[in-house]
Amino acid sequence: MTRSPGTPLPPPHERRRLREAGALTRARLAERVGVRPGTVRAWESGRRSPRGRNREVYAKLLAALAGSAGTAGDAERGAGAGAGARESVFARQKEEGTAVVTVRLEKPARRGAVVPEASAFAQAPPQAAPRREPVPAGHEGTAGLTPAQAFDALYAFCAPALVRQAYLLTGRRDLARESVERAFQRAWDRWPEVARDPDPAGWVRAAAYEWALSPSHRWRRHDRRAEPPPPGADDRALLDALLRLPPPYRRTLLLYDGVGLGLPETAAETEASTRAAAGRLTYARESVAALLPELSDPDELHRRLAELASTGRLRAAEPPEVRGGSERRARFWTRAAVAFTVALIGTTALTLRTAPTRYEPPVPAGETVRGVPPRVAPGPLSEERRELRDRLREELPGGPERLAPQTR
């Protein structure tokens, strides 16, 4: 009995395009199919493929979206392009060939009235999955970028906003710049992995947040110094309200009300369930509203967070400097690993050279033996023994006559 082939599905990037053309979010589409939003994201990125009943339902839903798109979908995409959606091109060269893969990050408008370009948090959100398209042979020099150029483009697009976000997380300017530099250095070390990631900007953002909120910074001496507060009283009050929140709550509030991520994406990036992320967000909003009642409106809170991040006047380092620091650190740790390996080999060889080749029983510890009479020193000699001693002393130089064998 042979198994019938599965229902044909469009390519991964076409699935995402059909969903966006139908004005459906991943959460709505996942609810219709009966799966989680992360599963839909994996289907659209090509990491996984639907099976069984989910495949049938998903294929029918995509077919319906494709039939209802038509000219209306084309007009909607044209209007979206004219609305000023930002996109940057990132590329990497394949290790096995000369073809170049182009990665396109699209910037959709955030919910609310804030224009993304004017916001201090403008960067590519994780729900905008990149689209990979092979470049025809002979066009590599015009359409493709080298890994260094792709990294520099990603850094120029994300670093300024990430520095301001890290400042809101920590309240320290130096730590914010250091967090972003370390995150991008780590991304450069793992650039093939980051280039293949569906959301490279989200990858770097998560790494920067983890470094900024690391509890090990409290033990460093230069992080204990007092940081100059913002000049405005309102900004100081808002920053103080943020720093009073626990780090997970502060991160959730910044991702949802600052960056503008959805609740499922915020929960995934903070490694929490959607219900836990919603609870953290509610608690953080209530805590900020208790100190600053005028920020009870989420849109007003978003605007004030953007203004506070912009007052820091933070600048990120240049991309070549970040790449150079990553390469220097990689060389240092490589040399340290080589030196440690050589020292370990030398120690092992010395141990094998000087180690005994046979078993030598240990010398037992001394014990006290009782019942043995003590040694008695010689006493004074009698007259008779003294005369015998004198006679023996006189005969010692000459001695008795020696007996010599005689031959016959």
Protein backbone atom coordinates (compact mmCIF):
# COMPACT_ATOMS: atom_id res chain seq x y z
CA MET A 1 0.00 0.00 0.00
CA THR A 2 1.57 3.32 -1.05
CA ARG A 3 1.15 6.57 0.77
CA SER A 4 -0.48 9.37 -1.20
CA PRO A 5 1.66 12.49 -1.61
CA GLY A 6 0.92 15.43 0.65
CA THR A 7 -1.01 18.48 -0.43
CA PRO A 8 1.30 20.79 -2.39
CA LEU A 9 2.27 24.00 -0.64
CA PRO A 10 3.79 27.22 -2.00
CA PRO A 11 7.40 28.10 -1.09
CA PRO A 12 8.03 29.46 2.42
CA HIS A 13 8.43 33.09 1.35
CA GLU A 14 5.19 32.85 -0.66
CA ARG A 15 3.34 31.55 2.40
CA ARG A 16 4.36 34.62 4.35
CA ARG A 17 3.45 36.92 1.47
CA LEU A 18 -0.02 35.39 1.19
CA ARG A 19 -0.58 35.77 4.93
CA GLU A 20 0.45 39.43 4.86
CA ALA A 21 -1.63 40.06 1.75
CA GLY A 22 -4.64 38.69 3.62
CA ALA A 23 -3.93 41.04 6.60
CA LEU A 24 -3.49 38.10 8.96
CA THR A 25 -1.09 37.94 11.85
CA ARG A 26 0.70 34.75 12.76
CA ALA A 27 -1.47 34.45 15.86
CA ARG A 28 -4.70 34.66 13.82
CA LEU A 29 -3.43 32.19 11.25
CA ALA A 30 -2.23 29.80 13.97
CA GLU A 31 -5.65 30.00 15.64
CA ARG A 32 -7.38 29.05 12.39
CA VAL A 33 -5.07 26.12 11.73
CA GLY A 34 -5.01 25.00 15.37
CA VAL A 35 -1.29 25.36 16.10
CA ARG A 36 0.99 27.78 17.94
CA PRO A 37 2.29 31.02 16.35
CA GLY A 38 5.84 29.72 16.59
CA THR A 39 4.85 26.76 14.41
CA VAL A 40 3.52 29.09 11.72
CA ARG A 41 6.74 31.06 11.90
CA ALA A 42 8.74 27.87 11.38
CA TRP A 43 6.57 26.98 8.37
CA GLU A 44 7.12 30.41 6.82
CA SER A 45 10.88 30.33 7.40
CA GLY A 46 11.23 26.85 5.90
CA ARG A 47 12.65 25.23 9.03
CA ARG A 48 9.67 22.89 9.34
CA SER A 49 6.92 21.59 7.08
CA PRO A 50 3.30 20.91 8.11
CA ARG A 51 2.05 17.34 8.16
CA GLY A 52 -1.23 15.46 8.29
CA ARG A 53 -4.37 17.39 9.06
CA ASN A 54 -2.45 20.62 9.73
CA ARG A 55 -1.02 20.46 6.22
CA GLU A 56 -4.48 20.08 4.65
CA VAL A 57 -5.96 22.95 6.64
CA TYR A 58 -2.93 25.16 6.02
CA ALA A 59 -2.95 24.46 2.27
CA LYS A 60 -6.67 25.23 1.97
CA LEU A 61 -6.24 28.47 3.92
CA LEU A 62 -3.34 29.56 1.72
CA ALA A 63 -5.31 28.70 -1.41
CA ALA A 64 -8.19 30.83 -0.17
CA LEU A 65 -5.81 33.71 0.57
CA ALA A 66 -4.25 33.36 -2.88
CA GLY A 67 -7.69 33.45 -4.55
CA SER A 68 -8.86 36.49 -2.60
CA ALA A 69 -5.65 38.49 -3.07
CA GLY A 70 -5.76 39.34 -6.82
CA THR A 71 -5.43 42.94 -7.78
CA ALA A 72 -6.40 44.09 -4.31
CA GLY A 73 -3.32 42.43 -2.91
CA ASP A 74 -1.12 44.14 -5.50
CA ALA A 75 -2.61 47.51 -4.67
CA GLU A 76 -2.12 46.92 -0.96
CA ARG A 77 1.52 46.00 -1.45
CA GLY A 78 2.06 49.11 -3.57
CA ALA A 79 0.48 51.30 -0.90
CA GLY A 80 2.61 49.67 1.76
CA ALA A 81 5.73 50.35 -0.28
CA GLY A 82 4.73 53.99 -0.71
CA ALA A 83 4.14 54.39 3.02
CA GLY A 84 7.86 54.52 3.62
CA ALA A 85 8.53 50.99 4.94
CA ARG A 86 12.25 50.67 5.59
CA GLU A 87 14.24 47.75 4.32
CA SER A 88 17.95 46.98 4.28
CA VAL A 89 19.74 44.35 2.29
CA PHE A 90 22.02 41.88 3.98
CA ALA A 91 23.87 39.16 2.12
CA ARG A 92 26.30 36.36 2.72
CA GLN A 93 28.31 34.17 0.46
CA LYS A 94 27.66 30.46 0.57
CA GLU A 95 30.54 28.40 1.79
CA GLU A 96 30.06 25.78 -0.88
CA GLY A 97 29.82 28.03 -3.93
CA THR A 98 30.00 31.50 -5.38
CA ALA A 99 26.30 32.28 -5.31
CA VAL A 100 25.18 35.11 -3.04
CA VAL A 101 22.10 35.03 -0.85
CA THR A 102 20.32 38.33 -0.28
CA VAL A 103 18.58 38.87 3.07
CA ARG A 104 15.89 41.54 3.16
CA LEU A 105 14.62 42.99 6.44
CA GLU A 106 11.32 44.78 6.21
CA LYS A 107 10.18 47.33 8.75
CA PRO A 108 6.39 47.43 9.20
CA ALA A 109 4.76 50.32 10.95
CA ARG A 110 4.22 49.96 14.69
CA ARG A 111 0.74 49.94 16.06
CA GLY A 112 -0.35 53.38 17.15
CA ALA A 113 0.35 56.85 15.86
CA VAL A 114 4.14 56.88 16.23
CA VAL A 115 6.04 56.90 12.93
CA PRO A 116 8.77 54.22 12.98
CA GLU A 117 11.39 56.47 11.39
CA ALA A 118 10.85 59.09 14.08
CA SER A 119 10.92 56.58 16.92
CA ALA A 120 14.06 55.91 18.94
CA PHE A 121 13.34 52.20 18.72
CA ALA A 122 13.14 51.92 14.92
CA GLN A 123 14.61 48.57 13.92
CA ALA A 124 13.51 45.33 12.34
CA PRO A 125 11.12 43.41 14.64
CA PRO A 126 11.43 39.63 14.84
CA GLN A 127 8.10 38.91 13.21
CA ALA A 128 9.42 40.28 9.89
CA ALA A 129 11.03 37.11 8.57
CA PRO A 130 13.78 37.70 6.01
CA ARG A 131 13.34 36.62 2.45
CA ARG A 132 16.17 34.72 0.81
CA GLU A 133 16.42 34.82 -2.96
CA PRO A 134 19.25 33.36 -5.05
CA VAL A 135 21.06 35.85 -7.23
CA PRO A 136 21.70 34.83 -10.86
CA ALA A 137 25.28 34.15 -11.88
CA GLY A 138 27.12 37.21 -13.08
CA HIS A 139 25.24 39.67 -10.84
CA GLU A 140 27.14 39.00 -7.62
CA GLY A 141 28.95 42.30 -7.67
CA THR A 142 25.79 44.40 -7.89
CA ALA A 143 23.14 42.51 -5.93
CA GLY A 144 25.26 40.68 -3.36
CA LEU A 145 27.35 41.85 -0.42
CA THR A 146 30.34 40.35 1.27
CA PRO A 147 29.93 39.13 4.85
CA ALA A 148 31.71 42.22 6.18
CA GLN A 149 29.45 44.54 4.18
CA ALA A 150 26.33 42.66 5.30
CA PHE A 151 27.48 42.89 8.92
CA ASP A 152 28.16 46.62 8.58
CA ALA A 153 24.70 47.15 7.09
CA LEU A 154 23.05 45.25 9.92
CA TYR A 155 25.10 47.18 12.47
CA ALA A 156 24.27 50.56 10.94
CA PHE A 157 20.57 49.69 10.92
CA CYS A 158 20.23 48.24 14.43
CA ALA A 159 23.06 49.55 16.63
CA PRO A 160 21.80 53.13 17.28
CA ALA A 161 18.38 51.93 18.42
CA LEU A 162 19.84 49.06 20.45
CA VAL A 163 22.14 51.42 22.37
CA ARG A 164 19.15 53.55 23.39
CA GLN A 165 17.16 50.48 24.39
CA ALA A 166 20.05 49.14 26.49
CA TYR A 167 20.25 52.52 28.19
CA LEU A 168 16.61 52.22 29.25
CA LEU A 169 17.30 48.71 30.56
CA THR A 170 20.36 49.64 32.63
CA GLY A 171 20.32 53.40 33.10
CA ARG A 172 24.07 53.44 32.32
CA ARG A 173 25.48 54.84 29.09
CA ASP A 174 28.81 52.99 29.10
CA LEU A 175 27.13 49.67 29.84
CA ALA A 176 24.61 50.27 27.05
CA ARG A 177 27.36 50.83 24.47
CA GLU A 178 29.34 47.87 25.79
CA SER A 179 26.30 45.58 25.60
CA VAL A 180 25.64 46.43 21.97
CA GLU A 181 29.31 46.05 21.01
CA ARG A 182 29.54 42.66 22.73
CA ALA A 183 26.34 41.49 21.06
CA PHE A 184 27.58 42.43 17.59
CA GLN A 185 31.02 40.95 18.29
CA ARG A 186 29.31 37.72 19.20
CA ALA A 187 27.22 37.99 16.02
CA TRP A 188 30.38 38.44 13.94
CA ASP A 189 31.92 35.38 15.57
CA ARG A 190 28.83 33.39 14.54
CA TRP A 191 28.04 35.25 11.35
CA PRO A 192 27.09 32.18 9.26
CA GLU A 193 24.52 31.28 11.93
CA VAL A 194 23.24 34.86 12.24
CA ALA A 195 23.02 35.30 8.47
CA ARG A 196 20.82 32.21 8.20
CA ASP A 197 18.62 33.27 11.11
CA PRO A 198 15.09 34.37 10.13
CA ASP A 199 15.50 37.50 12.26
CA PRO A 200 19.15 38.65 12.57
CA ALA A 201 18.12 41.91 14.23
CA GLY A 202 16.20 39.99 16.91
CA TRP A 203 19.19 37.70 17.42
CA VAL A 204 21.46 40.65 18.14
CA ARG A 205 18.83 42.37 20.29
CA ALA A 206 18.42 39.32 22.51
CA ALA A 207 22.21 39.04 22.93
CA ALA A 208 22.49 42.74 23.82
CA TYR A 209 19.69 42.50 26.37
CA GLU A 210 21.23 39.43 27.98
CA TRP A 211 24.59 41.16 28.38
CA ALA A 212 23.02 44.39 29.65
CA LEU A 213 20.96 42.60 32.33
CA SER A 214 23.72 40.20 33.40
CA PRO A 215 24.04 40.20 37.22
CA SER A 216 27.83 39.92 36.96
CA HIS A 217 28.13 43.66 36.25
CA ARG A 218 27.41 44.50 39.86
CA TRP A 219 30.84 43.15 40.87
CA ARG A 220 32.76 45.37 38.47
CA ARG A 221 34.28 48.47 40.00
CA HIS A 222 33.55 50.93 37.20
CA ASP A 223 29.87 49.91 37.16
CA ARG A 224 29.47 50.98 40.80
CA ARG A 225 30.08 54.62 40.02
CA ALA A 226 27.11 56.98 40.00
CA GLU A 227 25.70 57.68 36.54
CA PRO A 228 24.68 61.28 35.76
CA PRO A 229 20.87 61.38 35.53
CA PRO A 230 18.92 62.82 32.58
CA PRO A 231 18.61 66.61 32.62
CA GLY A 232 14.80 66.76 32.71
CA ALA A 233 12.80 66.03 35.86
CA ASP A 234 10.19 64.00 33.94
CA ASP A 235 12.91 61.92 32.32
CA ARG A 236 14.57 61.27 35.67
CA ALA A 237 11.25 60.16 37.16
CA LEU A 238 10.54 57.79 34.26
CA LEU A 239 14.03 56.29 34.33
CA ASP A 240 13.79 55.80 38.09
CA ALA A 241 10.40 54.08 37.66
CA LEU A 242 11.90 51.75 35.04
CA LEU A 243 14.93 50.86 37.14
CA ARG A 244 12.69 49.96 40.07
CA LEU A 245 11.14 47.15 38.04
CA PRO A 246 12.71 43.69 38.16
CA PRO A 247 14.83 43.01 35.06
CA PRO A 248 12.38 40.53 33.42
CA TYR A 249 9.46 42.95 33.87
CA ARG A 250 11.54 45.87 32.61
CA ARG A 251 12.56 43.90 29.53
CA THR A 252 8.98 42.85 28.79
CA LEU A 253 7.72 46.43 29.08
CA LEU A 254 10.46 47.73 26.79
CA LEU A 255 9.87 45.08 24.12
CA TYR A 256 6.09 45.47 24.06
CA ASP A 257 5.51 49.17 24.71
CA GLY A 258 8.88 50.44 23.51
CA VAL A 259 9.97 48.35 20.53
CA GLY A 260 6.40 47.40 19.62
CA LEU A 261 6.61 43.60 19.49
CA GLY A 262 3.54 41.47 19.82
CA LEU A 263 2.84 39.53 23.00
CA PRO A 264 3.82 36.10 21.55
CA GLU A 265 7.09 37.52 20.16
CA THR A 266 7.80 39.24 23.48
CA ALA A 267 7.19 36.00 25.37
CA ALA A 268 9.46 34.08 23.02
CA GLU A 269 12.31 36.57 23.32
CA THR A 270 12.07 36.68 27.12
CA GLU A 271 11.82 32.85 27.26
CA ALA A 272 8.47 32.89 29.03
CA SER A 273 4.98 31.71 28.26
CA THR A 274 2.48 34.11 26.76
CA ARG A 275 0.49 34.18 29.98
CA ALA A 276 3.60 34.94 32.04
CA ALA A 277 4.60 37.72 29.63
CA ALA A 278 1.10 39.22 29.89
CA GLY A 279 1.32 39.14 33.68
CA ARG A 280 4.72 40.82 33.66
CA LEU A 281 3.49 43.49 31.26
CA THR A 282 0.43 44.22 33.39
CA TYR A 283 2.49 44.47 36.57
CA ALA A 284 5.07 46.72 34.91
CA ARG A 285 2.40 49.06 33.54
CA GLU A 286 0.67 49.27 36.89
CA SER A 287 3.95 49.98 38.68
CA VAL A 288 4.88 52.77 36.28
CA ALA A 289 1.35 54.22 36.37
CA ALA A 290 1.41 54.21 40.19
CA LEU A 291 4.48 56.45 40.14
CA LEU A 292 3.56 58.42 37.02
CA PRO A 293 -0.25 58.45 36.53
CA GLU A 294 0.02 60.35 33.25
CA LEU A 295 1.69 57.29 31.66
CA SER A 296 -1.24 54.94 32.12
CA ASP A 297 -1.95 55.21 28.37
CA PRO A 298 0.28 52.74 26.42
CA ASP A 299 0.70 55.15 23.49
CA GLU A 300 1.82 57.92 25.81
CA LEU A 301 4.19 55.51 27.54
CA HIS A 302 5.67 54.55 24.17
CA ARG A 303 6.19 58.20 23.25
CA ARG A 304 7.85 59.00 26.57
CA LEU A 305 10.12 55.97 26.33
CA ALA A 306 11.24 57.10 22.88
CA GLU A 307 11.89 60.63 24.16
CA LEU A 308 13.86 59.35 27.16
CA ALA A 309 15.98 57.11 24.96
CA SER A 310 16.72 60.00 22.60
CA THR A 311 17.87 62.35 25.39
CA GLY A 312 20.79 60.07 26.23
CA ARG A 313 22.79 61.26 23.16
CA LEU A 314 24.32 57.82 22.81
CA ARG A 315 26.47 56.86 19.87
CA ALA A 316 27.60 53.41 18.86
CA ALA A 317 31.10 52.55 17.74
CA GLU A 318 32.01 52.17 14.09
CA PRO A 319 31.42 48.73 12.48
CA PRO A 320 35.10 48.10 11.60
CA GLU A 321 36.05 48.73 15.21
CA VAL A 322 33.48 46.22 16.43
CA ARG A 323 34.61 43.59 13.93
CA GLY A 324 38.24 44.22 14.86
CA GLY A 325 37.47 43.79 18.55
CA SER A 326 35.70 40.51 17.84
CA GLU A 327 38.63 39.21 15.81
CA ARG A 328 41.15 40.26 18.47
CA ARG A 329 39.17 38.52 21.17
CA ALA A 330 38.90 35.40 19.04
CA ARG A 331 42.67 35.38 18.46
CA PHE A 332 43.32 35.87 22.18
CA TRP A 333 41.13 32.96 23.23
CA THR A 334 42.56 30.78 20.47
CA ARG A 335 46.09 31.45 21.65
CA ALA A 336 45.05 30.90 25.27
CA ALA A 337 43.51 27.55 24.34
CA VAL A 338 46.67 26.55 22.44
CA ALA A 339 48.89 27.57 25.38
CA PHE A 340 46.73 25.65 27.82
CA THR A 341 46.81 22.58 25.59
CA VAL A 342 50.61 22.75 25.30
CA ALA A 343 50.97 23.15 29.07
CA LEU A 344 48.67 20.19 29.65
CA ILE A 345 50.64 18.03 27.21
CA GLY A 346 53.95 19.04 28.85
CA THR A 347 52.65 18.30 32.32
CA THR A 348 51.41 14.90 31.20
CA ALA A 349 54.75 14.07 29.56
CA LEU A 350 56.69 15.13 32.67
CA THR A 351 54.44 13.02 34.87
CA LEU A 352 54.92 9.97 32.67
CA ARG A 353 58.70 10.55 32.68
CA THR A 354 59.12 10.89 36.43
CA ALA A 355 56.46 8.47 37.61
CA PRO A 356 57.77 5.15 39.18
CA THR A 357 57.52 2.03 37.04
CA ARG A 358 57.19 -0.47 39.89
CA TYR A 359 55.42 -0.63 43.18
CA GLU A 360 57.38 0.52 46.19
CA PRO A 361 55.73 -0.32 49.49
CA PRO A 362 55.64 2.58 51.87
CA VAL A 363 57.87 2.60 54.95
CA PRO A 364 55.75 1.83 57.99
CA ALA A 365 55.68 4.28 60.81
CA GLY A 366 57.75 3.53 63.91
CA GLU A 367 56.17 1.80 66.89
CA THR A 368 57.09 1.67 70.56
CA VAL A 369 58.15 -1.84 71.74
CA ARG A 370 57.75 -2.56 75.42
CA GLY A 371 59.35 -5.29 77.56
CA VAL A 372 62.89 -5.00 76.16
CA PRO A 373 65.54 -4.33 78.83
CA PRO A 374 67.53 -1.19 78.33
CA ARG A 375 71.10 -1.36 77.12
CA VAL A 376 73.63 -1.28 79.97
CA ALA A 377 76.81 0.70 79.51
CA PRO A 378 80.11 -1.04 80.50
CA GLY A 379 81.13 -0.38 84.07
CA PRO A 380 84.65 0.00 85.56
CA LEU A 381 87.11 -2.82 84.77
CA SER A 382 88.47 -5.02 87.50
CA GLU A 383 92.21 -5.37 88.11
CA GLU A 384 92.32 -8.71 86.35
CA ARG A 385 90.53 -7.41 83.24
CA ARG A 386 92.71 -4.35 83.14
CA GLU A 387 95.84 -6.54 83.09
CA LEU A 388 94.35 -8.65 80.29
CA ARG A 389 93.64 -5.52 78.25
CA ASP A 390 97.19 -4.26 78.67
CA ARG A 391 98.64 -7.60 77.64
CA LEU A 392 96.46 -7.74 74.54
CA ARG A 393 97.44 -4.23 73.54
CA GLU A 394 101.14 -5.12 73.80
CA GLU A 395 100.76 -8.23 71.61
CA LEU A 396 98.67 -6.55 68.91
CA PRO A 397 101.53 -4.82 67.01
CA GLY A 398 103.53 -8.03 66.64
CA GLY A 399 100.89 -10.61 66.95
CA PRO A 400 101.42 -14.34 67.07
CA GLU A 401 103.65 -16.06 64.53
CA ARG A 402 101.92 -16.61 61.24
CA LEU A 403 101.60 -20.11 59.89
CA ALA A 404 102.83 -20.43 56.33
CA PRO A 405 102.21 -23.50 54.17
CA GLN A 406 105.28 -25.56 53.21
CA THR A 407 105.83 -27.35 49.98
CA ARG A 408 107.07 -30.93 49.88
